[in-house]
C-alpha atoms as a PDB file:
ATOM      1  CA  UNK A   1     -56.593  54.418 -59.255  1.00  0.00           C
ATOM      2  CA  UNK A   2     -59.983  56.088 -58.726  1.00  0.00           C
ATOM      3  CA  UNK A   3     -61.936  57.130 -55.412  1.00  0.00           C
ATOM      4  CA  UNK A   4     -65.315  58.572 -55.680  1.00  0.00           C
ATOM      5  CA  UNK A   5     -65.995  61.347 -53.078  1.00  0.00           C
ATOM      6  CA  UNK A   6     -68.925  63.626 -53.078  1.00  0.00           C
ATOM      7  CA  UNK A   7     -70.056  61.920 -56.131  1.00  0.00           C
ATOM      8  CA  UNK A   8     -67.156  62.884 -58.090  1.00  0.00           C
ATOM      9  CA  UNK A   9     -64.472  60.226 -59.288  1.00  0.00           C
ATOM     10  CA  UNK A  10     -61.256  61.480 -58.391  1.00  0.00           C
ATOM     11  CA  UNK A  11     -57.829  60.113 -60.014  1.00  0.00           C
ATOM     12  CA  UNK A  12     -55.433  59.367 -57.197  1.00  0.00           C
ATOM     13  CA  UNK A  13     -51.872  58.384 -57.255  1.00  0.00           C
ATOM     14  CA  UNK A  14     -50.470  56.645 -53.984  1.00  0.00           C
ATOM     15  CA  UNK A  15     -46.979  55.626 -53.838  1.00  0.00           C
ATOM     16  CA  UNK A  16     -44.284  55.148 -51.404  1.00  0.00           C
ATOM     17  CA  UNK A  17     -44.373  54.295 -47.707  1.00  0.00           C
ATOM     18  CA  UNK A  18     -43.747  55.624 -44.317  1.00  0.00           C
ATOM     19  CA  UNK A  19     -45.408  58.053 -42.074  1.00  0.00           C
ATOM     20  CA  UNK A  20     -46.700  60.684 -41.757  1.00  0.00           C
ATOM     21  CA  UNK A  21     -48.364  60.467 -45.282  1.00  0.00           C
ATOM     22  CA  UNK A  22     -47.765  63.525 -47.503  1.00  0.00           C
ATOM     23  CA  UNK A  23     -51.094  64.610 -49.324  1.00  0.00           C
ATOM     24  CA  UNK A  24     -50.530  67.106 -52.239  1.00  0.00           C
ATOM     25  CA  UNK A  25     -52.965  69.651 -53.216  1.00  0.00           C
ATOM     26  CA  UNK A  26     -52.295  71.091 -56.607  1.00  0.00           C
ATOM     27  CA  UNK A  27     -52.493  74.488 -58.293  1.00  0.00           C
ATOM     28  CA  UNK A  28     -55.198  75.777 -60.851  1.00  0.00           C
ATOM     29  CA  UNK A  29     -53.884  73.673 -63.567  1.00  0.00           C
ATOM     30  CA  UNK A  30     -51.787  71.000 -62.138  1.00  0.00           C
ATOM     31  CA  UNK A  31     -52.165  67.286 -61.851  1.00  0.00           C
ATOM     32  CA  UNK A  32     -50.690  64.226 -60.273  1.00  0.00           C
ATOM     33  CA  UNK A  33     -47.494  64.586 -62.465  1.00  0.00           C
ATOM     34  CA  UNK A  34     -46.874  68.136 -60.885  1.00  0.00           C
ATOM     35  CA  UNK A  35     -44.846  66.679 -58.140  1.00  0.00           C
ATOM     36  CA  UNK A  36     -43.156  63.835 -59.731  1.00  0.00           C
ATOM     37  CA  UNK A  37     -39.587  65.326 -59.259  1.00  0.00           C
ATOM     38  CA  UNK A  38     -40.426  65.938 -55.583  1.00  0.00           C
ATOM     39  CA  UNK A  39     -41.990  62.567 -54.755  1.00  0.00           C
ATOM     40  CA  UNK A  40     -39.230  60.823 -56.342  1.00  0.00           C
ATOM     41  CA  UNK A  41     -37.107  62.001 -53.580  1.00  0.00           C
ATOM     42  CA  UNK A  42     -39.587  61.394 -50.825  1.00  0.00           C
ATOM     43  CA  UNK A  43     -41.440  58.316 -51.588  1.00  0.00           C
ATOM     44  CA  UNK A  44     -38.652  55.895 -49.912  1.00  0.00           C
ATOM     45  CA  UNK A  45     -39.396  57.606 -46.451  1.00  0.00           C
ATOM     46  CA  UNK A  46     -42.811  58.978 -47.070  1.00  0.00           C
ATOM     47  CA  UNK A  47     -46.326  57.595 -48.253  1.00  0.00           C
ATOM     48  CA  UNK A  48     -46.976  60.328 -51.103  1.00  0.00           C
ATOM     49  CA  UNK A  49     -50.630  60.861 -52.149  1.00  0.00           C
ATOM     50  CA  UNK A  50     -51.432  63.156 -55.040  1.00  0.00           C
ATOM     51  CA  UNK A  51     -54.752  63.524 -57.041  1.00  0.00           C
ATOM     52  CA  UNK A  52     -56.212  65.550 -59.683  1.00  0.00           C
ATOM     53  CA  UNK A  53     -58.656  68.001 -58.223  1.00  0.00           C
ATOM     54  CA  UNK A  54     -62.140  67.693 -59.607  1.00  0.00           C
ATOM     55  CA  UNK A  55     -62.351  69.381 -63.264  1.00  0.00           C
ATOM     56  CA  UNK A  56     -58.679  68.679 -63.965  1.00  0.00           C
ATOM     57  CA  UNK A  57     -56.454  65.760 -65.266  1.00  0.00           C
ATOM     58  CA  UNK A  58     -57.990  62.335 -65.165  1.00  0.00           C
ATOM     59  CA  UNK A  59     -60.581  63.305 -62.475  1.00  0.00           C
ATOM     60  CA  UNK A  60     -64.279  63.764 -63.529  1.00  0.00           C
ATOM     61  CA  UNK A  61     -65.347  67.404 -64.557  1.00  0.00           C
ATOM     62  CA  UNK A  62     -68.624  68.414 -63.152  1.00  0.00           C
ATOM     63  CA  UNK A  63     -69.943  71.750 -63.744  1.00  0.00           C
ATOM     64  CA  UNK A  64     -70.118  72.827 -59.970  1.00  0.00           C
ATOM     65  CA  UNK A  65     -67.997  72.656 -56.900  1.00  0.00           C
ATOM     66  CA  UNK A  66     -65.143  74.764 -57.604  1.00  0.00           C
ATOM     67  CA  UNK A  67     -65.383  77.162 -54.734  1.00  0.00           C
ATOM     68  CA  UNK A  68     -62.716  76.547 -51.829  1.00  0.00           C
ATOM     69  CA  UNK A  69     -65.231  74.810 -49.421  1.00  0.00           C
ATOM     70  CA  UNK A  70     -66.198  72.140 -52.184  1.00  0.00           C
ATOM     71  CA  UNK A  71     -62.503  71.451 -52.894  1.00  0.00           C
ATOM     72  CA  UNK A  72     -61.799  71.151 -49.245  1.00  0.00           C
ATOM     73  CA  UNK A  73     -64.611  68.676 -48.716  1.00  0.00           C
ATOM     74  CA  UNK A  74     -63.164  66.678 -51.626  1.00  0.00           C
ATOM     75  CA  UNK A  75     -59.713  66.410 -49.779  1.00  0.00           C
ATOM     76  CA  UNK A  76     -61.356  65.664 -46.461  1.00  0.00           C
ATOM     77  CA  UNK A  77     -63.336  62.845 -48.004  1.00  0.00           C
ATOM     78  CA  UNK A  78     -60.472  61.343 -49.575  1.00  0.00           C
ATOM     79  CA  UNK A  79     -58.600  61.476 -46.300  1.00  0.00           C
ATOM     80  CA  UNK A  80     -61.521  59.633 -44.891  1.00  0.00           C
ATOM     81  CA  UNK A  81     -61.541  57.080 -47.831  1.00  0.00           C
ATOM     82  CA  UNK A  82     -57.659  56.446 -47.278  1.00  0.00           C
ATOM     83  CA  UNK A  83     -58.107  56.106 -43.583  1.00  0.00           C
ATOM     84  CA  UNK A  84     -55.279  58.743 -43.007  1.00  0.00           C
ATOM     85  CA  UNK A  85     -54.676  59.286 -39.392  1.00  0.00           C
ATOM     86  CA  UNK A  86     -51.203  60.971 -39.490  1.00  0.00           C
ATOM     87  CA  UNK A  87     -50.734  63.039 -42.366  1.00  0.00           C
ATOM     88  CA  UNK A  88     -49.081  66.403 -43.662  1.00  0.00           C
ATOM     89  CA  UNK A  89     -51.054  68.562 -46.173  1.00  0.00           C
ATOM     90  CA  UNK A  90     -48.606  70.013 -48.901  1.00  0.00           C
ATOM     91  CA  UNK A  91     -50.795  72.569 -50.903  1.00  0.00           C
ATOM     92  CA  UNK A  92     -49.553  74.669 -53.842  1.00  0.00           C
ATOM     93  CA  UNK A  93     -51.105  77.933 -54.945  1.00  0.00           C
ATOM     94  CA  UNK A  94     -54.727  77.208 -55.312  1.00  0.00           C
ATOM     95  CA  UNK A  95     -54.219  73.958 -53.330  1.00  0.00           C
ATOM     96  CA  UNK A  96     -52.558  76.197 -50.660  1.00  0.00           C
ATOM     97  CA  UNK A  97     -55.575  78.123 -50.126  1.00  0.00           C
ATOM     98  CA  UNK A  98     -57.597  74.961 -49.853  1.00  0.00           C
ATOM     99  CA  UNK A  99     -54.896  73.801 -47.313  1.00  0.00           C
ATOM    100  CA  UNK A 100     -55.435  76.684 -45.160  1.00  0.00           C
ATOM    101  CA  UNK A 101     -59.168  76.166 -44.963  1.00  0.00           C
ATOM    102  CA  UNK A 102     -58.820  72.519 -44.031  1.00  0.00           C
ATOM    103  CA  UNK A 103     -56.213  73.395 -41.477  1.00  0.00           C
ATOM    104  CA  UNK A 104     -58.441  76.069 -39.974  1.00  0.00           C
ATOM    105  CA  UNK A 105     -61.044  73.254 -39.234  1.00  0.00           C
ATOM    106  CA  UNK A 106     -58.399  71.237 -37.324  1.00  0.00           C
ATOM    107  CA  UNK A 107     -59.230  67.850 -38.896  1.00  0.00           C
ATOM    108  CA  UNK A 108     -57.971  64.853 -36.829  1.00  0.00           C
ATOM    109  CA  UNK A 109     -54.643  63.382 -38.010  1.00  0.00           C
ATOM    110  CA  UNK A 110     -53.310  66.501 -39.401  1.00  0.00           C
ATOM    111  CA  UNK A 111     -49.907  66.609 -38.249  1.00  0.00           C
ATOM    112  CA  UNK A 112     -48.338  69.618 -40.047  1.00  0.00           C
ATOM    113  CA  UNK A 113     -49.137  72.070 -42.858  1.00  0.00           C
ATOM    114  CA  UNK A 114     -46.715  73.043 -45.895  1.00  0.00           C
ATOM    115  CA  UNK A 115     -47.798  75.744 -48.024  1.00  0.00           C
ATOM    116  CA  UNK A 116     -45.906  76.100 -51.275  1.00  0.00           C
ATOM    117  CA  UNK A 117     -46.389  79.805 -53.107  1.00  0.00           C
ATOM    118  CA  UNK A 118     -49.893  79.455 -51.541  1.00  0.00           C
ATOM    119  CA  UNK A 119     -52.728  81.774 -52.484  1.00  0.00           C
ATOM    120  CA  UNK A 120     -53.649  83.709 -49.317  1.00  0.00           C
ATOM    121  CA  UNK A 121     -56.792  82.915 -47.639  1.00  0.00           C
ATOM    122  CA  UNK A 122     -58.072  86.383 -48.071  1.00  0.00           C
ATOM    123  CA  UNK A 123     -59.310  87.691 -51.614  1.00  0.00           C
ATOM    124  CA  UNK A 124     -56.797  88.251 -54.245  1.00  0.00           C
ATOM    125  CA  UNK A 125     -57.792  91.653 -55.784  1.00  0.00           C
ATOM    126  CA  UNK A 126     -56.796  92.517 -59.393  1.00  0.00           C
ATOM    127  CA  UNK A 127     -57.915  95.055 -61.856  1.00  0.00           C
ATOM    128  CA  UNK A 128     -60.741  93.534 -63.757  1.00  0.00           C
ATOM    129  CA  UNK A 129     -58.874  92.911 -67.114  1.00  0.00           C
ATOM    130  CA  UNK A 130     -56.587  90.461 -65.384  1.00  0.00           C
ATOM    131  CA  UNK A 131     -59.418  88.296 -64.142  1.00  0.00           C
ATOM    132  CA  UNK A 132     -60.540  88.256 -67.846  1.00  0.00           C
ATOM    133  CA  UNK A 133     -57.108  87.320 -68.849  1.00  0.00           C
ATOM    134  CA  UNK A 134     -56.783  84.531 -66.580  1.00  0.00           C
ATOM    135  CA  UNK A 135     -60.174  83.172 -67.719  1.00  0.00           C
ATOM    136  CA  UNK A 136     -58.711  82.745 -71.219  1.00  0.00           C
ATOM    137  CA  UNK A 137     -55.091  81.826 -70.284  1.00  0.00           C
ATOM    138  CA  UNK A 138     -55.640  78.413 -70.766  1.00  0.00           C
ATOM    139  CA  UNK A 139     -57.517  78.271 -74.007  1.00  0.00           C
ATOM    140  CA  UNK A 140     -54.520  77.947 -76.272  1.00  0.00           C
ATOM    141  CA  UNK A 141     -51.172  76.493 -76.330  1.00  0.00           C
ATOM    142  CA  UNK A 142     -49.600  79.930 -76.792  1.00  0.00           C
ATOM    143  CA  UNK A 143     -51.427  81.306 -74.028  1.00  0.00           C
ATOM    144  CA  UNK A 144     -50.434  78.560 -71.734  1.00  0.00           C
ATOM    145  CA  UNK A 145     -46.823  78.872 -72.726  1.00  0.00           C
ATOM    146  CA  UNK A 146     -47.016  82.571 -72.157  1.00  0.00           C
ATOM    147  CA  UNK A 147     -48.502  81.958 -68.629  1.00  0.00           C
ATOM    148  CA  UNK A 148     -45.613  79.763 -67.846  1.00  0.00           C
ATOM    149  CA  UNK A 149     -42.692  82.185 -68.968  1.00  0.00           C
ATOM    150  CA  UNK A 150     -44.346  85.394 -68.196  1.00  0.00           C
ATOM    151  CA  UNK A 151     -46.592  84.782 -65.200  1.00  0.00           C
ATOM    152  CA  UNK A 152     -45.207  81.766 -63.475  1.00  0.00           C
ATOM    153  CA  UNK A 153     -41.788  82.800 -64.252  1.00  0.00           C
ATOM    154  CA  UNK A 154     -40.892  79.222 -65.108  1.00  0.00           C
ATOM    155  CA  UNK A 155     -39.189  79.643 -68.584  1.00  0.00           C
ATOM    156  CA  UNK A 156     -36.352  77.343 -67.294  1.00  0.00           C
ATOM    157  CA  UNK A 157     -38.082  74.216 -66.811  1.00  0.00           C
ATOM    158  CA  UNK A 158     -36.967  71.182 -68.879  1.00  0.00           C
ATOM    159  CA  UNK A 159     -38.801  70.652 -72.296  1.00  0.00           C
ATOM    160  CA  UNK A 160     -40.402  67.234 -71.169  1.00  0.00           C
ATOM    161  CA  UNK A 161     -41.721  69.027 -68.180  1.00  0.00           C
ATOM    162  CA  UNK A 162     -43.092  71.828 -69.950  1.00  0.00           C
ATOM    163  CA  UNK A 163     -44.849  69.400 -72.373  1.00  0.00           C
ATOM    164  CA  UNK A 164     -46.542  67.689 -69.450  1.00  0.00           C
ATOM    165  CA  UNK A 165     -47.467  70.965 -67.988  1.00  0.00           C
ATOM    166  CA  UNK A 166     -48.960  72.074 -71.304  1.00  0.00           C
ATOM    167  CA  UNK A 167     -51.018  68.822 -71.349  1.00  0.00           C
ATOM    168  CA  UNK A 168     -52.260  69.305 -67.726  1.00  0.00           C
ATOM    169  CA  UNK A 169     -53.332  72.948 -68.346  1.00  0.00           C
ATOM    170  CA  UNK A 170     -55.545  71.635 -71.050  1.00  0.00           C
ATOM    171  CA  UNK A 171     -57.089  69.095 -69.116  1.00  0.00           C
ATOM    172  CA  UNK A 172     -60.071  70.939 -67.823  1.00  0.00           C
ATOM    173  CA  UNK A 173     -63.708  71.833 -68.634  1.00  0.00           C
ATOM    174  CA  UNK A 174     -64.980  75.432 -68.851  1.00  0.00           C
ATOM    175  CA  UNK A 175     -66.307  75.464 -65.438  1.00  0.00           C
ATOM    176  CA  UNK A 176     -62.799  74.531 -63.718  1.00  0.00           C
ATOM    177  CA  UNK A 177     -61.027  76.752 -65.834  1.00  0.00           C
ATOM    178  CA  UNK A 178     -63.007  79.634 -64.837  1.00  0.00           C
ATOM    179  CA  UNK A 179     -63.720  78.674 -61.361  1.00  0.00           C
ATOM    180  CA  UNK A 180     -60.534  79.839 -59.818  1.00  0.00           C
ATOM    181  CA  UNK A 181     -60.360  83.312 -61.267  1.00  0.00           C
ATOM    182  CA  UNK A 182     -64.229  83.990 -60.888  1.00  0.00           C
ATOM    183  CA  UNK A 183     -65.011  82.217 -57.631  1.00  0.00           C
ATOM    184  CA  UNK A 184     -62.157  80.606 -55.373  1.00  0.00           C
ATOM    185  CA  UNK A 185     -59.439  83.291 -55.992  1.00  0.00           C
ATOM    186  CA  UNK A 186     -61.589  86.133 -54.765  1.00  0.00           C
ATOM    187  CA  UNK A 187     -63.093  84.158 -51.825  1.00  0.00           C
ATOM    188  CA  UNK A 188     -62.398  85.272 -48.188  1.00  0.00           C
ATOM    189  CA  UNK A 189     -61.964  82.083 -46.290  1.00  0.00           C
ATOM    190  CA  UNK A 190     -59.642  83.416 -43.593  1.00  0.00           C
ATOM    191  CA  UNK A 191     -62.013  82.789 -40.812  1.00  0.00           C
ATOM    192  CA  UNK A 192     -60.106  80.319 -38.386  1.00  0.00           C
ATOM    193  CA  UNK A 193     -56.828  80.531 -40.219  1.00  0.00           C
ATOM    194  CA  UNK A 194     -55.453  82.694 -37.494  1.00  0.00           C
ATOM    195  CA  UNK A 195     -55.999  79.784 -35.215  1.00  0.00           C
ATOM    196  CA  UNK A 196     -54.086  77.118 -37.014  1.00  0.00           C
ATOM    197  CA  UNK A 197     -52.295  75.160 -34.408  1.00  0.00           C
ATOM    198  CA  UNK A 198     -50.121  72.746 -36.400  1.00  0.00           C
ATOM    199  CA  UNK A 199     -46.607  73.542 -37.301  1.00  0.00           C
ATOM    200  CA  UNK A 200     -46.709  75.377 -40.784  1.00  0.00           C
ATOM    201  CA  UNK A 201     -43.864  75.843 -43.214  1.00  0.00           C
ATOM    202  CA  UNK A 202     -44.617  78.366 -46.080  1.00  0.00           C
ATOM    203  CA  UNK A 203     -42.059  78.005 -49.259  1.00  0.00           C
ATOM    204  CA  UNK A 204     -41.947  80.878 -51.537  1.00  0.00           C
ATOM    205  CA  UNK A 205     -40.081  81.378 -54.890  1.00  0.00           C
ATOM    206  CA  UNK A 206     -37.777  84.177 -55.013  1.00  0.00           C
ATOM    207  CA  UNK A 207     -38.932  85.243 -58.397  1.00  0.00           C
ATOM    208  CA  UNK A 208     -42.489  84.752 -58.169  1.00  0.00           C
ATOM    209  CA  UNK A 209     -44.751  87.623 -59.152  1.00  0.00           C
ATOM    210  CA  UNK A 210     -48.034  85.808 -58.567  1.00  0.00           C
ATOM    211  CA  UNK A 211     -47.553  85.131 -54.748  1.00  0.00           C
ATOM    212  CA  UNK A 212     -44.294  86.870 -54.049  1.00  0.00           C
ATOM    213  CA  UNK A 213     -42.342  86.533 -50.872  1.00  0.00           C
ATOM    214  CA  UNK A 214     -43.503  89.772 -49.589  1.00  0.00           C
ATOM    215  CA  UNK A 215     -47.102  88.816 -49.814  1.00  0.00           C
ATOM    216  CA  UNK A 216     -46.344  85.488 -48.352  1.00  0.00           C
ATOM    217  CA  UNK A 217     -44.820  87.220 -45.149  1.00  0.00           C
ATOM    218  CA  UNK A 218     -47.960  89.741 -44.937  1.00  0.00           C
ATOM    219  CA  UNK A 219     -50.754  87.651 -45.801  1.00  0.00           C
ATOM    220  CA  UNK A 220     -49.901  84.293 -44.653  1.00  0.00           C
ATOM    221  CA  UNK A 221     -46.858  84.100 -42.369  1.00  0.00           C
ATOM    222  CA  UNK A 222     -48.307  86.941 -40.265  1.00  0.00           C
ATOM    223  CA  UNK A 223     -51.687  85.333 -39.810  1.00  0.00           C
ATOM    224  CA  UNK A 224     -50.667  81.729 -38.946  1.00  0.00           C
ATOM    225  CA  UNK A 225     -48.968  81.836 -35.610  1.00  0.00           C
ATOM    226  CA  UNK A 226     -45.533  80.530 -35.498  1.00  0.00           C
ATOM    227  CA  UNK A 227     -45.339  79.674 -39.242  1.00  0.00           C
ATOM    228  CA  UNK A 228     -41.933  79.822 -41.021  1.00  0.00           C
ATOM    229  CA  UNK A 229     -41.185  81.277 -44.313  1.00  0.00           C
ATOM    230  CA  UNK A 230     -38.403  80.005 -46.541  1.00  0.00           C
ATOM    231  CA  UNK A 231     -37.421  81.557 -49.891  1.00  0.00           C
ATOM    232  CA  UNK A 232     -36.088  79.173 -52.708  1.00  0.00           C
ATOM    233  CA  UNK A 233     -33.754  80.794 -54.978  1.00  0.00           C
ATOM    234  CA  UNK A 234     -33.978  80.549 -58.851  1.00  0.00           C
ATOM    235  CA  UNK A 235     -37.752  79.718 -58.712  1.00  0.00           C
ATOM    236  CA  UNK A 236     -40.958  81.635 -59.846  1.00  0.00           C
ATOM    237  CA  UNK A 237     -44.418  80.255 -58.904  1.00  0.00           C
ATOM    238  CA  UNK A 238     -43.578  76.545 -59.743  1.00  0.00           C
ATOM    239  CA  UNK A 239     -40.790  75.911 -57.385  1.00  0.00           C
ATOM    240  CA  UNK A 240     -41.667  72.161 -57.327  1.00  0.00           C
ATOM    241  CA  UNK A 241     -40.724  71.973 -61.159  1.00  0.00           C
ATOM    242  CA  UNK A 242     -38.153  74.264 -60.925  1.00  0.00           C
ATOM    243  CA  UNK A 243     -36.238  73.389 -57.854  1.00  0.00           C
ATOM    244  CA  UNK A 244     -37.582  70.006 -56.950  1.00  0.00           C
ATOM    245  CA  UNK A 245     -34.424  68.690 -55.076  1.00  0.00           C
ATOM    246  CA  UNK A 246     -34.583  71.690 -52.852  1.00  0.00           C
ATOM    247  CA  UNK A 247     -38.301  71.689 -52.319  1.00  0.00           C
ATOM    248  CA  UNK A 248     -38.048  67.845 -51.562  1.00  0.00           C
ATOM    249  CA  UNK A 249     -35.382  68.443 -48.891  1.00  0.00           C
ATOM    250  CA  UNK A 250     -37.501  71.241 -47.339  1.00  0.00           C
ATOM    251  CA  UNK A 251     -40.839  69.143 -47.290  1.00  0.00           C
ATOM    252  CA  UNK A 252     -38.787  65.995 -46.021  1.00  0.00           C
ATOM    253  CA  UNK A 253     -36.974  67.834 -43.206  1.00  0.00           C
ATOM    254  CA  UNK A 254     -40.028  69.565 -41.959  1.00  0.00           C
ATOM    255  CA  UNK A 255     -42.428  66.523 -42.091  1.00  0.00           C
ATOM    256  CA  UNK A 256     -39.929  64.310 -39.941  1.00  0.00           C
ATOM    257  CA  UNK A 257     -38.920  66.830 -37.419  1.00  0.00           C
END
């Protein structure tokens, strides 16, 4: 189904039942398909809501709005449209940075926060050539597969999952593709993050080199008071695709307790 928020039509998958609702925010290149292995385990007990960010998947692809604040406004407008008053935000990578920005503003109804290999709220600083490489990473199938294997450390995903992931990473426009490495990744949205009050779980992949456990401890857990960090074995940056049963169990247990 589609919802129009902030003059952008977003594709939304809304399935399952139970409270609190789980709202999933995807990574740069992810789609409503990214969490299928996780939501299959959760939708009998939770309402699971996933959507394609502006510029990705089946959502509209405007030329602007790829900064963290704009992506957060989309999420908050969707929360209002769905009349969610008891929900958990589950944010992965780019979606995790958006989730921290949202939680820092203490929106009504937010019960808990789950961050899966989240990009920290502080800027990610890299050599210039790495930003340039990111801008081109999703422009060819070869580049996408190299990113999955060598950057996301997810060479172990099943062929059918890889095929979906390759498709998702091609479903963008230029603005959404370069918006992450040129705008949102280097933004500092840390103001208020140290004041997040809802219980927070951070899930890291042991083999993740994008947002490794050490960085999660220093730049996420250390900032959000009382947050808990769990490391998933045999997973890189895409733990929800590599270890969906484990990630689903962590999300389900934390959300209900």
